[in-house]
Amino acid sequence: MISTATSPSASPSSSVGSELRRWRELRSLSQLALATQAEVSTRHVSYVENGRSQPTPEMIVRLAEVMRVPMAEQNRLLLAGGFAPRYPHRATDDDALAPVMAGLRSLLDAHAPYPALLLDDHWDIVDANQPVDGLLDGCDPSLLEPPLNVIRLCLHPRGLAPRIRNLPVWRAHLLHQLGRRITHTGGDPALVALRDEVTAYPAGDGPSARPLADPVVPLEIDAGGLVLRFFSVASQIESAADVTLSGLHLETFVPADDRTRQVLSSGREAVDA
């Protein structure tokens, strides 16, 4: 089903001009900079923002794309301007998305024996490969109920947090990623609420800065008496023309040392090693 839900950050009664101004200020752009990049006059941008000029849907989209406004928010800008949304917003089990979802599932499976997750734009798990299951043993069952949020799961004291050896470092990394996503979405209330929740969890002992000797931020997790070390690689669909697909990202975990690679490649599950 295609959704045309209204925005949590912009109601239909909001003027499209004020919303475009809000996004410009969020992106720290002057009217001149926005006009130059969108190849329109500064006067026109000013008139649109103050309501003296009613922008066409094409102009709304042009300005929004310059400001890197996410697809869902572009739809809401169009609604605020009195126009139909441009991008469909389908459920992940919609038949139209089936070939894409099957392809993403094949990428998850191909990454085994290393963990891989398919996450939505709120870090809720949409799908995961089998190696992920072994890492979740011992987590409070209530945290594993859908929607299963990977940031909450990592930082919750009854989740993975007690087993993450470098919790302060990994926590700082996740909060940085969360902050960037909040900025990108223009202050998505669900993400802000998630940040408020997880920052109240215990931060763990030790410094939160990554050791200079590490070329990446590692996840160091205790699994069956062994410490496994991973770094993560995130990838997205560059050609997405659907709101749901544009918010998905594949989070793959790659061994950060030879011992982790040998343990997982040997065919032993981490929790049984």
C-alpha atoms as a PDB file:
ATOM      1  CA  MET A   1       0.000   0.000   0.000  1.00  0.00           C
ATOM      2  CA  ILE A   2       1.282   3.465  -0.870  1.00  0.00           C
ATOM      3  CA  SER A   3       1.249   5.832   2.100  1.00  0.00           C
ATOM      4  CA  THR A   4       0.676   9.589   1.961  1.00  0.00           C
ATOM      5  CA  ALA A   5       0.999  10.160   5.703  1.00  0.00           C
ATOM      6  CA  THR A   6       1.631  13.687   6.856  1.00  0.00           C
ATOM      7  CA  SER A   7       4.915  14.779   8.346  1.00  0.00           C
ATOM      8  CA  PRO A   8       5.862  14.630  12.014  1.00  0.00           C
ATOM      9  CA  SER A   9       7.971  17.726  11.433  1.00  0.00           C
ATOM     10  CA  ALA A  10       5.741  19.703   9.032  1.00  0.00           C
ATOM     11  CA  SER A  11       1.958  19.791   9.146  1.00  0.00           C
ATOM     12  CA  PRO A  12      -0.092  20.254   5.945  1.00  0.00           C
ATOM     13  CA  SER A  13      -1.081  23.716   7.209  1.00  0.00           C
ATOM     14  CA  SER A  14       2.551  24.858   7.309  1.00  0.00           C
ATOM     15  CA  SER A  15       3.406  27.153   4.415  1.00  0.00           C
ATOM     16  CA  VAL A  16       5.772  25.564   1.969  1.00  0.00           C
ATOM     17  CA  GLY A  17       7.823  28.767   2.007  1.00  0.00           C
ATOM     18  CA  SER A  18       8.480  28.621   5.745  1.00  0.00           C
ATOM     19  CA  GLU A  19       9.369  24.949   5.477  1.00  0.00           C
ATOM     20  CA  LEU A  20      11.808  25.591   2.657  1.00  0.00           C
ATOM     21  CA  ARG A  21      13.373  28.373   4.739  1.00  0.00           C
ATOM     22  CA  ARG A  22      13.655  25.972   7.704  1.00  0.00           C
ATOM     23  CA  TRP A  23      15.498  23.445   5.556  1.00  0.00           C
ATOM     24  CA  ARG A  24      17.798  26.136   4.118  1.00  0.00           C
ATOM     25  CA  GLU A  25      18.725  27.249   7.618  1.00  0.00           C
ATOM     26  CA  LEU A  26      19.260  23.645   8.723  1.00  0.00           C
ATOM     27  CA  ARG A  27      21.706  23.229   5.830  1.00  0.00           C
ATOM     28  CA  SER A  28      23.427  26.530   6.713  1.00  0.00           C
ATOM     29  CA  LEU A  29      22.816  27.952   3.246  1.00  0.00           C
ATOM     30  CA  SER A  30      22.248  31.600   2.441  1.00  0.00           C
ATOM     31  CA  GLN A  31      19.506  32.544  -0.012  1.00  0.00           C
ATOM     32  CA  LEU A  32      22.251  33.437  -2.484  1.00  0.00           C
ATOM     33  CA  ALA A  33      23.956  30.061  -2.130  1.00  0.00           C
ATOM     34  CA  LEU A  34      20.685  28.175  -2.558  1.00  0.00           C
ATOM     35  CA  ALA A  35      19.657  30.280  -5.534  1.00  0.00           C
ATOM     36  CA  THR A  36      23.036  29.841  -7.209  1.00  0.00           C
ATOM     37  CA  GLN A  37      23.022  26.066  -6.834  1.00  0.00           C
ATOM     38  CA  ALA A  38      19.377  25.787  -7.939  1.00  0.00           C
ATOM     39  CA  GLU A  39      20.004  28.167 -10.876  1.00  0.00           C
ATOM     40  CA  VAL A  40      17.212  30.554  -9.922  1.00  0.00           C
ATOM     41  CA  SER A  41      17.261  34.170  -8.794  1.00  0.00           C
ATOM     42  CA  THR A  42      17.817  35.128  -5.178  1.00  0.00           C
ATOM     43  CA  ARG A  43      14.696  37.284  -5.397  1.00  0.00           C
ATOM     44  CA  HIS A  44      12.621  34.248  -6.369  1.00  0.00           C
ATOM     45  CA  VAL A  45      13.936  32.242  -3.408  1.00  0.00           C
ATOM     46  CA  SER A  46      13.098  35.170  -1.135  1.00  0.00           C
ATOM     47  CA  TYR A  47       9.585  35.487  -2.565  1.00  0.00           C
ATOM     48  CA  VAL A  48       8.951  31.758  -2.157  1.00  0.00           C
ATOM     49  CA  GLU A  49      10.128  31.773   1.445  1.00  0.00           C
ATOM     50  CA  ASN A  50       8.048  34.787   2.480  1.00  0.00           C
ATOM     51  CA  GLY A  51       4.932  33.559   0.672  1.00  0.00           C
ATOM     52  CA  ARG A  52       4.849  36.224  -2.034  1.00  0.00           C
ATOM     53  CA  SER A  53       5.355  33.585  -4.722  1.00  0.00           C
ATOM     54  CA  GLN A  54       3.699  30.149  -4.887  1.00  0.00           C
ATOM     55  CA  PRO A  55       6.320  27.646  -6.110  1.00  0.00           C
ATOM     56  CA  THR A  56       5.482  24.975  -8.660  1.00  0.00           C
ATOM     57  CA  PRO A  57       6.039  21.338  -7.668  1.00  0.00           C
ATOM     58  CA  GLU A  58       9.077  21.301  -9.952  1.00  0.00           C
ATOM     59  CA  MET A  59      10.572  24.278  -8.090  1.00  0.00           C
ATOM     60  CA  ILE A  60       9.887  22.690  -4.697  1.00  0.00           C
ATOM     61  CA  VAL A  61      11.693  19.534  -5.772  1.00  0.00           C
ATOM     62  CA  ARG A  62      14.584  21.483  -7.332  1.00  0.00           C
ATOM     63  CA  LEU A  63      15.205  23.458  -4.145  1.00  0.00           C
ATOM     64  CA  ALA A  64      14.732  20.365  -1.978  1.00  0.00           C
ATOM     65  CA  GLU A  65      17.253  18.335  -3.954  1.00  0.00           C
ATOM     66  CA  VAL A  66      19.859  21.090  -3.672  1.00  0.00           C
ATOM     67  CA  MET A  67      19.305  21.025   0.100  1.00  0.00           C
ATOM     68  CA  ARG A  68      19.563  17.199   0.215  1.00  0.00           C
ATOM     69  CA  VAL A  69      16.064  16.887   1.673  1.00  0.00           C
ATOM     70  CA  PRO A  70      15.144  13.195   2.108  1.00  0.00           C
ATOM     71  CA  MET A  71      12.427  11.750  -0.133  1.00  0.00           C
ATOM     72  CA  ALA A  72       9.842  11.493   2.638  1.00  0.00           C
ATOM     73  CA  GLU A  73      10.360  15.150   3.517  1.00  0.00           C
ATOM     74  CA  GLN A  74      10.178  16.162  -0.144  1.00  0.00           C
ATOM     75  CA  ASN A  75       6.742  14.533  -0.248  1.00  0.00           C
ATOM     76  CA  ARG A  76       5.725  16.562   2.797  1.00  0.00           C
ATOM     77  CA  LEU A  77       6.977  19.773   1.244  1.00  0.00           C
ATOM     78  CA  LEU A  78       4.836  19.040  -1.804  1.00  0.00           C
ATOM     79  CA  LEU A  79       1.825  18.402   0.428  1.00  0.00           C
ATOM     80  CA  ALA A  80       2.472  21.688   2.227  1.00  0.00           C
ATOM     81  CA  GLY A  81       2.453  23.375  -1.164  1.00  0.00           C
ATOM     82  CA  GLY A  82      -0.870  21.779  -2.089  1.00  0.00           C
ATOM     83  CA  PHE A  83       0.551  19.179  -4.486  1.00  0.00           C
ATOM     84  CA  ALA A  84       0.517  15.388  -4.610  1.00  0.00           C
ATOM     85  CA  PRO A  85       3.533  13.513  -3.208  1.00  0.00           C
ATOM     86  CA  ARG A  86       6.141  12.583  -5.789  1.00  0.00           C
ATOM     87  CA  TYR A  87       7.599   9.399  -4.325  1.00  0.00           C
ATOM     88  CA  PRO A  88       5.619   6.264  -3.352  1.00  0.00           C
ATOM     89  CA  HIS A  89       6.000   4.942   0.205  1.00  0.00           C
ATOM     90  CA  ARG A  90       5.409   1.194   0.141  1.00  0.00           C
ATOM     91  CA  ALA A  91       5.674  -1.453   2.838  1.00  0.00           C
ATOM     92  CA  THR A  92       8.714  -3.737   2.619  1.00  0.00           C
ATOM     93  CA  ASP A  93       6.443  -6.696   1.814  1.00  0.00           C
ATOM     94  CA  ASP A  94       4.765  -4.893  -1.093  1.00  0.00           C
ATOM     95  CA  ASP A  95       4.888  -6.978  -4.282  1.00  0.00           C
ATOM     96  CA  ALA A  96       6.450  -4.079  -6.180  1.00  0.00           C
ATOM     97  CA  LEU A  97       9.494  -4.183  -3.882  1.00  0.00           C
ATOM     98  CA  ALA A  98       9.833  -7.981  -3.879  1.00  0.00           C
ATOM     99  CA  PRO A  99      12.685  -8.219  -6.446  1.00  0.00           C
ATOM    100  CA  VAL A 100      14.700  -5.552  -4.621  1.00  0.00           C
ATOM    101  CA  MET A 101      14.099  -7.098  -1.189  1.00  0.00           C
ATOM    102  CA  ALA A 102      15.093 -10.523  -2.547  1.00  0.00           C
ATOM    103  CA  GLY A 103      18.313  -9.038  -3.915  1.00  0.00           C
ATOM    104  CA  LEU A 104      19.118  -7.449  -0.562  1.00  0.00           C
ATOM    105  CA  ARG A 105      18.405 -10.770   1.162  1.00  0.00           C
ATOM    106  CA  SER A 106      20.910 -12.478  -1.143  1.00  0.00           C
ATOM    107  CA  LEU A 107      23.551  -9.916  -0.138  1.00  0.00           C
ATOM    108  CA  LEU A 108      22.880 -10.667   3.544  1.00  0.00           C
ATOM    109  CA  ASP A 109      23.284 -14.393   2.973  1.00  0.00           C
ATOM    110  CA  ALA A 110      26.402 -13.932   0.866  1.00  0.00           C
ATOM    111  CA  HIS A 111      28.106 -12.080   3.720  1.00  0.00           C
ATOM    112  CA  ALA A 112      27.982 -15.163   5.988  1.00  0.00           C
ATOM    113  CA  PRO A 113      29.811 -16.316   8.063  1.00  0.00           C
ATOM    114  CA  TYR A 114      30.071 -12.668   9.115  1.00  0.00           C
ATOM    115  CA  PRO A 115      27.077 -10.743  10.541  1.00  0.00           C
ATOM    116  CA  ALA A 116      25.016  -8.479   8.296  1.00  0.00           C
ATOM    117  CA  LEU A 117      21.848  -6.455   8.916  1.00  0.00           C
ATOM    118  CA  LEU A 118      19.310  -4.682   6.754  1.00  0.00           C
ATOM    119  CA  LEU A 119      18.161  -1.592   8.668  1.00  0.00           C
ATOM    120  CA  ASP A 120      15.544   1.070   8.039  1.00  0.00           C
ATOM    121  CA  ASP A 121      16.093   4.796   8.546  1.00  0.00           C
ATOM    122  CA  HIS A 122      15.443   4.481  12.305  1.00  0.00           C
ATOM    123  CA  TRP A 123      17.939   1.594  12.742  1.00  0.00           C
ATOM    124  CA  ASP A 124      15.113  -0.931  13.135  1.00  0.00           C
ATOM    125  CA  ILE A 125      16.107  -4.353  11.805  1.00  0.00           C
ATOM    126  CA  VAL A 126      14.245  -5.292   8.630  1.00  0.00           C
ATOM    127  CA  ASP A 127      16.237  -8.474   7.974  1.00  0.00           C
ATOM    128  CA  ALA A 128      19.460 -10.130   9.117  1.00  0.00           C
ATOM    129  CA  ASN A 129      21.579 -13.131   8.220  1.00  0.00           C
ATOM    130  CA  GLN A 130      22.008 -16.216  10.405  1.00  0.00           C
ATOM    131  CA  PRO A 131      25.342 -15.230  12.043  1.00  0.00           C
ATOM    132  CA  VAL A 132      23.568 -12.308  13.746  1.00  0.00           C
ATOM    133  CA  ASP A 133      21.470 -14.751  15.808  1.00  0.00           C
ATOM    134  CA  GLY A 134      24.522 -16.068  17.629  1.00  0.00           C
ATOM    135  CA  LEU A 135      25.503 -12.586  18.755  1.00  0.00           C
ATOM    136  CA  LEU A 136      22.096 -11.914  20.321  1.00  0.00           C
ATOM    137  CA  ASP A 137      22.083 -14.788  22.811  1.00  0.00           C
ATOM    138  CA  GLY A 138      21.705 -13.520  26.360  1.00  0.00           C
ATOM    139  CA  CYS A 139      19.844 -10.328  25.427  1.00  0.00           C
ATOM    140  CA  ASP A 140      16.617  -9.595  27.280  1.00  0.00           C
ATOM    141  CA  PRO A 141      13.798 -11.132  25.175  1.00  0.00           C
ATOM    142  CA  SER A 142      11.792  -7.899  25.412  1.00  0.00           C
ATOM    143  CA  LEU A 143      14.533  -6.128  23.438  1.00  0.00           C
ATOM    144  CA  LEU A 144      14.239  -8.692  20.652  1.00  0.00           C
ATOM    145  CA  GLU A 145      10.562  -8.002  20.018  1.00  0.00           C
ATOM    146  CA  PRO A 146       9.804  -6.080  16.827  1.00  0.00           C
ATOM    147  CA  PRO A 147      10.559  -3.398  16.034  1.00  0.00           C
ATOM    148  CA  LEU A 148      14.055  -4.491  17.037  1.00  0.00           C
ATOM    149  CA  ASN A 149      16.211  -1.377  17.155  1.00  0.00           C
ATOM    150  CA  VAL A 150      19.927  -2.041  16.807  1.00  0.00           C
ATOM    151  CA  ILE A 151      21.068   1.138  18.609  1.00  0.00           C
ATOM    152  CA  ARG A 152      18.828   0.384  21.578  1.00  0.00           C
ATOM    153  CA  LEU A 153      19.991  -3.241  21.545  1.00  0.00           C
ATOM    154  CA  CYS A 154      23.667  -2.248  21.541  1.00  0.00           C
ATOM    155  CA  LEU A 155      23.466   0.326  24.329  1.00  0.00           C
ATOM    156  CA  HIS A 156      20.766  -1.099  26.628  1.00  0.00           C
ATOM    157  CA  PRO A 157      22.171  -2.557  29.891  1.00  0.00           C
ATOM    158  CA  ARG A 158      20.107  -5.720  29.286  1.00  0.00           C
ATOM    159  CA  GLY A 159      21.128  -5.892  25.651  1.00  0.00           C
ATOM    160  CA  LEU A 160      24.602  -6.185  24.159  1.00  0.00           C
ATOM    161  CA  ALA A 161      26.151  -3.404  26.255  1.00  0.00           C
ATOM    162  CA  PRO A 162      27.555  -5.687  29.014  1.00  0.00           C
ATOM    163  CA  ARG A 163      29.358  -7.736  26.353  1.00  0.00           C
ATOM    164  CA  ILE A 164      30.792  -4.816  24.369  1.00  0.00           C
ATOM    165  CA  ARG A 165      34.354  -4.476  25.660  1.00  0.00           C
ATOM    166  CA  ASN A 166      34.854  -0.986  24.249  1.00  0.00           C
ATOM    167  CA  LEU A 167      31.364   0.275  25.086  1.00  0.00           C
ATOM    168  CA  PRO A 168      32.301   3.981  25.572  1.00  0.00           C
ATOM    169  CA  VAL A 169      33.965   4.079  22.136  1.00  0.00           C
ATOM    170  CA  TRP A 170      31.179   2.189  20.356  1.00  0.00           C
ATOM    171  CA  ARG A 171      28.536   4.261  22.160  1.00  0.00           C
ATOM    172  CA  ALA A 172      30.174   7.501  21.018  1.00  0.00           C
ATOM    173  CA  HIS A 173      30.289   6.157  17.465  1.00  0.00           C
ATOM    174  CA  LEU A 174      26.585   5.227  17.458  1.00  0.00           C
ATOM    175  CA  LEU A 175      25.528   8.540  18.986  1.00  0.00           C
ATOM    176  CA  HIS A 176      27.545  10.383  16.341  1.00  0.00           C
ATOM    177  CA  GLN A 177      25.791   8.412  13.595  1.00  0.00           C
ATOM    178  CA  LEU A 178      22.426   9.076  15.230  1.00  0.00           C
ATOM    179  CA  GLY A 179      23.137  12.791  15.454  1.00  0.00           C
ATOM    180  CA  ARG A 180      24.048  12.935  11.782  1.00  0.00           C
ATOM    181  CA  ARG A 181      20.823  11.161  10.825  1.00  0.00           C
ATOM    182  CA  ILE A 182      18.799  13.597  12.942  1.00  0.00           C
ATOM    183  CA  THR A 183      20.411  16.510  11.110  1.00  0.00           C
ATOM    184  CA  HIS A 184      19.859  14.863   7.725  1.00  0.00           C
ATOM    185  CA  THR A 185      16.153  14.315   8.401  1.00  0.00           C
ATOM    186  CA  GLY A 186      15.578  17.781   9.772  1.00  0.00           C
ATOM    187  CA  GLY A 187      14.971  16.591  13.311  1.00  0.00           C
ATOM    188  CA  ASP A 188      12.880  13.420  12.929  1.00  0.00           C
ATOM    189  CA  PRO A 189      11.012  13.196  16.293  1.00  0.00           C
ATOM    190  CA  ALA A 190      11.392   9.402  16.455  1.00  0.00           C
ATOM    191  CA  LEU A 191      15.161   9.697  16.113  1.00  0.00           C
ATOM    192  CA  VAL A 192      15.313  12.512  18.662  1.00  0.00           C
ATOM    193  CA  ALA A 193      13.313  10.350  21.098  1.00  0.00           C
ATOM    194  CA  LEU A 194      15.677   7.426  20.471  1.00  0.00           C
ATOM    195  CA  ARG A 195      18.694   9.638  21.175  1.00  0.00           C
ATOM    196  CA  ASP A 196      17.118  10.909  24.401  1.00  0.00           C
ATOM    197  CA  GLU A 197      16.422   7.320  25.467  1.00  0.00           C
ATOM    198  CA  VAL A 198      19.832   5.787  24.756  1.00  0.00           C
ATOM    199  CA  THR A 199      21.870   8.688  26.125  1.00  0.00           C
ATOM    200  CA  ALA A 200      20.240   7.945  29.497  1.00  0.00           C
ATOM    201  CA  TYR A 201      21.714   4.423  29.520  1.00  0.00           C
ATOM    202  CA  PRO A 202      24.995   3.796  31.411  1.00  0.00           C
ATOM    203  CA  ALA A 203      27.955   4.910  29.329  1.00  0.00           C
ATOM    204  CA  GLY A 204      30.415   2.281  30.556  1.00  0.00           C
ATOM    205  CA  ASP A 205      33.909   2.780  31.907  1.00  0.00           C
ATOM    206  CA  GLY A 206      36.896   4.041  30.015  1.00  0.00           C
ATOM    207  CA  PRO A 207      37.599   6.744  27.425  1.00  0.00           C
ATOM    208  CA  SER A 208      35.108   7.337  24.629  1.00  0.00           C
ATOM    209  CA  ALA A 209      37.764   8.374  22.097  1.00  0.00           C
ATOM    210  CA  ARG A 210      39.023   5.809  19.602  1.00  0.00           C
ATOM    211  CA  PRO A 211      42.643   4.762  20.261  1.00  0.00           C
ATOM    212  CA  LEU A 212      44.892   6.420  17.703  1.00  0.00           C
ATOM    213  CA  ALA A 213      46.367   3.042  16.764  1.00  0.00           C
ATOM    214  CA  ASP A 214      43.004   1.867  15.390  1.00  0.00           C
ATOM    215  CA  PRO A 215      42.422   2.835  11.739  1.00  0.00           C
ATOM    216  CA  VAL A 216      38.649   2.289  12.182  1.00  0.00           C
ATOM    217  CA  VAL A 217      36.158   2.342  15.059  1.00  0.00           C
ATOM    218  CA  PRO A 218      35.899  -1.335  16.032  1.00  0.00           C
ATOM    219  CA  LEU A 219      33.089  -3.205  17.718  1.00  0.00           C
ATOM    220  CA  GLU A 220      34.704  -5.461  20.333  1.00  0.00           C
ATOM    221  CA  ILE A 221      32.181  -7.974  21.627  1.00  0.00           C
ATOM    222  CA  ASP A 222      32.536 -10.876  24.031  1.00  0.00           C
ATOM    223  CA  ALA A 223      31.131 -14.041  22.458  1.00  0.00           C
ATOM    224  CA  GLY A 224      31.486 -17.299  24.358  1.00  0.00           C
ATOM    225  CA  GLY A 225      34.667 -16.213  26.115  1.00  0.00           C
ATOM    226  CA  LEU A 226      36.312 -14.830  22.979  1.00  0.00           C
ATOM    227  CA  VAL A 227      36.519 -11.172  22.039  1.00  0.00           C
ATOM    228  CA  LEU A 228      35.484 -10.717  18.416  1.00  0.00           C
ATOM    229  CA  ARG A 229      36.445  -7.475  16.685  1.00  0.00           C
ATOM    230  CA  PHE A 230      34.546  -6.040  13.712  1.00  0.00           C
ATOM    231  CA  PHE A 231      34.333  -2.861  11.719  1.00  0.00           C
ATOM    232  CA  SER A 232      31.116  -1.960   9.937  1.00  0.00           C
ATOM    233  CA  VAL A 233      30.432  -0.980   6.341  1.00  0.00           C
ATOM    234  CA  ALA A 234      27.123   0.673   5.443  1.00  0.00           C
ATOM    235  CA  SER A 235      25.695   0.775   1.919  1.00  0.00           C
ATOM    236  CA  GLN A 236      22.489   2.140   0.404  1.00  0.00           C
ATOM    237  CA  ILE A 237      20.535   1.860  -2.839  1.00  0.00           C
ATOM    238  CA  GLU A 238      21.734   4.814  -4.894  1.00  0.00           C
ATOM    239  CA  SER A 239      18.918   4.609  -7.454  1.00  0.00           C
ATOM    240  CA  ALA A 240      15.985   4.347  -5.026  1.00  0.00           C
ATOM    241  CA  ALA A 241      12.753   6.011  -6.174  1.00  0.00           C
ATOM    242  CA  ASP A 242      10.657   4.817  -3.219  1.00  0.00           C
ATOM    243  CA  VAL A 243      10.680   6.327   0.268  1.00  0.00           C
ATOM    244  CA  THR A 244      11.039   2.950   1.969  1.00  0.00           C
ATOM    245  CA  LEU A 245      13.942   1.834  -0.214  1.00  0.00           C
ATOM    246  CA  SER A 246      15.699   5.195   0.146  1.00  0.00           C
ATOM    247  CA  GLY A 247      15.752   4.709   3.932  1.00  0.00           C
ATOM    248  CA  LEU A 248      17.187   1.195   3.918  1.00  0.00           C
ATOM    249  CA  HIS A 249      20.854   0.541   4.473  1.00  0.00           C
ATOM    250  CA  LEU A 250      22.878  -2.627   4.600  1.00  0.00           C
ATOM    251  CA  GLU A 251      25.180  -2.816   7.632  1.00  0.00           C
ATOM    252  CA  THR A 252      27.842  -5.471   7.147  1.00  0.00           C
ATOM    253  CA  PHE A 253      30.361  -6.389   9.832  1.00  0.00           C
ATOM    254  CA  VAL A 254      33.843  -7.316   8.668  1.00  0.00           C
ATOM    255  CA  PRO A 255      36.491  -8.978  10.879  1.00  0.00           C
ATOM    256  CA  ALA A 256      38.935  -6.385  12.205  1.00  0.00           C
ATOM    257  CA  ASP A 257      41.622  -8.939  13.056  1.00  0.00           C
ATOM    258  CA  ASP A 258      42.816 -12.371  11.938  1.00  0.00           C
ATOM    259  CA  ARG A 259      41.537 -14.185  15.017  1.00  0.00           C
ATOM    260  CA  THR A 260      37.958 -13.022  14.445  1.00  0.00           C
ATOM    261  CA  ARG A 261      38.209 -14.050  10.795  1.00  0.00           C
ATOM    262  CA  GLN A 262      39.582 -17.473  11.692  1.00  0.00           C
ATOM    263  CA  VAL A 263      36.977 -18.124  14.387  1.00  0.00           C
ATOM    264  CA  LEU A 264      34.028 -17.294  12.158  1.00  0.00           C
ATOM    265  CA  SER A 265      35.464 -18.809   8.994  1.00  0.00           C
ATOM    266  CA  SER A 266      36.138 -22.088  10.783  1.00  0.00           C
ATOM    267  CA  GLY A 267      32.412 -22.786  10.850  1.00  0.00           C
ATOM    268  CA  ARG A 268      32.044 -22.380  14.627  1.00  0.00           C
ATOM    269  CA  GLU A 269      29.295 -20.108  15.852  1.00  0.00           C
ATOM    270  CA  ALA A 270      30.707 -17.317  17.964  1.00  0.00           C
ATOM    271  CA  VAL A 271      28.687 -18.295  21.031  1.00  0.00           C
ATOM    272  CA  ASP A 272      29.877 -21.892  20.786  1.00  0.00           C
ATOM    273  CA  ALA A 273      33.535 -21.084  20.188  1.00  0.00           C
END
